[in-house]
C-alpha atoms as a PDB file:
ATOM      1  CA  MET A   1       0.000   0.000   0.000  1.00  0.00           C
ATOM      2  CA  LYS A   2       2.892   2.342   0.684  1.00  0.00           C
ATOM      3  CA  ARG A   3       4.179   1.836  -2.854  1.00  0.00           C
ATOM      4  CA  ILE A   4       0.803   2.812  -4.245  1.00  0.00           C
ATOM      5  CA  ALA A   5       0.744   5.928  -2.067  1.00  0.00           C
ATOM      6  CA  LEU A   6       4.274   6.821  -3.167  1.00  0.00           C
ATOM      7  CA  PHE A   7       3.279   6.378  -6.813  1.00  0.00           C
ATOM      8  CA  ALA A   8       0.184   8.547  -6.228  1.00  0.00           C
ATOM      9  CA  PHE A   9       2.344  11.239  -4.634  1.00  0.00           C
ATOM     10  CA  ILE A  10       4.809  11.288  -7.528  1.00  0.00           C
ATOM     11  CA  LEU A  11       1.998  11.276 -10.088  1.00  0.00           C
ATOM     12  CA  GLY A  12       0.296  14.126  -8.217  1.00  0.00           C
ATOM     13  CA  VAL A  13       3.473  16.204  -8.290  1.00  0.00           C
ATOM     14  CA  VAL A  14       3.833  15.610 -12.025  1.00  0.00           C
ATOM     15  CA  LEU A  15       0.202  16.558 -12.711  1.00  0.00           C
ATOM     16  CA  ALA A  16       0.386  19.682 -10.548  1.00  0.00           C
ATOM     17  CA  THR A  17       3.608  20.731 -12.288  1.00  0.00           C
ATOM     18  CA  LEU A  18       1.986  20.202 -15.675  1.00  0.00           C
ATOM     19  CA  ALA A  19      -0.916  22.442 -14.679  1.00  0.00           C
ATOM     20  CA  TYR A  20       1.517  25.060 -13.385  1.00  0.00           C
ATOM     21  CA  PHE A  21       3.360  25.186 -16.702  1.00  0.00           C
ATOM     22  CA  ALA A  22       0.070  25.261 -18.595  1.00  0.00           C
ATOM     23  CA  GLU A  23      -0.975  28.341 -16.653  1.00  0.00           C
ATOM     24  CA  ILE A  24       2.351  30.133 -17.036  1.00  0.00           C
ATOM     25  CA  TYR A  25       2.685  29.556 -20.785  1.00  0.00           C
ATOM     26  CA  ASP A  26      -1.035  29.977 -21.616  1.00  0.00           C
ATOM     27  CA  TRP A  27      -1.446  26.610 -23.307  1.00  0.00           C
ATOM     28  CA  VAL A  28      -4.545  25.888 -25.364  1.00  0.00           C
ATOM     29  CA  GLY A  29      -7.147  24.069 -23.261  1.00  0.00           C
ATOM     30  CA  LEU A  30      -6.083  25.690 -20.027  1.00  0.00           C
ATOM     31  CA  GLN A  31      -9.227  24.610 -18.166  1.00  0.00           C
ATOM     32  CA  GLU A  32      -8.500  20.922 -18.802  1.00  0.00           C
ATOM     33  CA  TYR A  33      -4.949  21.300 -17.518  1.00  0.00           C
ATOM     34  CA  LEU A  34      -6.193  23.056 -14.393  1.00  0.00           C
ATOM     35  CA  THR A  35      -8.580  20.164 -13.776  1.00  0.00           C
ATOM     36  CA  VAL A  36      -5.663  17.766 -14.114  1.00  0.00           C
ATOM     37  CA  GLY A  37      -3.705  19.940 -11.683  1.00  0.00           C
ATOM     38  CA  PHE A  38      -6.525  19.769  -9.168  1.00  0.00           C
ATOM     39  CA  THR A  39      -6.477  15.996  -9.487  1.00  0.00           C
ATOM     40  CA  GLY A  40      -2.750  16.140  -8.797  1.00  0.00           C
ATOM     41  CA  TYR A  41      -3.328  18.167  -5.636  1.00  0.00           C
ATOM     42  CA  VAL A  42      -5.903  15.627  -4.465  1.00  0.00           C
ATOM     43  CA  LEU A  43      -3.421  12.799  -5.040  1.00  0.00           C
ATOM     44  CA  ILE A  44      -0.698  14.638  -3.125  1.00  0.00           C
ATOM     45  CA  ILE A  45      -2.950  15.360  -0.158  1.00  0.00           C
ATOM     46  CA  SER A  46      -4.362  11.829  -0.076  1.00  0.00           C
ATOM     47  CA  SER A  47      -0.986  10.128  -0.167  1.00  0.00           C
ATOM     48  CA  ALA A  48       0.425  12.477   2.480  1.00  0.00           C
ATOM     49  CA  ALA A  49      -2.561  11.736   4.714  1.00  0.00           C
ATOM     50  CA  TYR A  50      -2.036   7.997   4.248  1.00  0.00           C
ATOM     51  CA  TYR A  51       1.650   8.248   5.150  1.00  0.00           C
ATOM     52  CA  MET A  52       0.956  10.337   8.259  1.00  0.00           C
ATOM     53  CA  SER A  53      -1.755   7.994   9.479  1.00  0.00           C
ATOM     54  CA  SER A  54       0.411   4.920   8.857  1.00  0.00           C
ATOM     55  CA  VAL A  55       3.296   6.476  10.800  1.00  0.00           C
ATOM     56  CA  LEU A  56       0.975   7.262  13.692  1.00  0.00           C
ATOM     57  CA  TYR A  57      -0.353   3.702  13.605  1.00  0.00           C
ATOM     58  CA  GLU A  58       3.176   2.270  13.662  1.00  0.00           C
ATOM     59  CA  TRP A  59       4.150   4.529  16.561  1.00  0.00           C
ATOM     60  CA  SER A  60       1.084   3.459  18.521  1.00  0.00           C
ATOM     61  CA  MET A  61       2.066  -0.201  18.163  1.00  0.00           C
ATOM     62  CA  GLU A  62       5.431   0.314  19.934  1.00  0.00           C
ATOM     63  CA  PRO A  63       5.222  -1.131  23.475  1.00  0.00           C
ATOM     64  CA  ALA A  64       7.816   1.294  24.883  1.00  0.00           C
ATOM     65  CA  VAL A  65       5.428   4.200  24.384  1.00  0.00           C
ATOM     66  CA  TRP A  66       2.817   2.705  26.686  1.00  0.00           C
ATOM     67  CA  GLU A  67       5.276   1.642  29.458  1.00  0.00           C
ATOM     68  CA  ALA A  68       5.588   5.010  31.152  1.00  0.00           C
END
């Protein structure tokens, strides 16, 4: 699952960068590129949320944390 989230993060960065260049250089079909960029932002946020929640889950499973 972490590989899928990493792939989604990298794909999101690529899509957001594509939308950024489309806006700067005024490419034809700008609205479609901005939609793709929004999809990239969603992928970035989703994969970051998955990584943060998985790290918190792994930290909660450590027995040393609960032996205070």
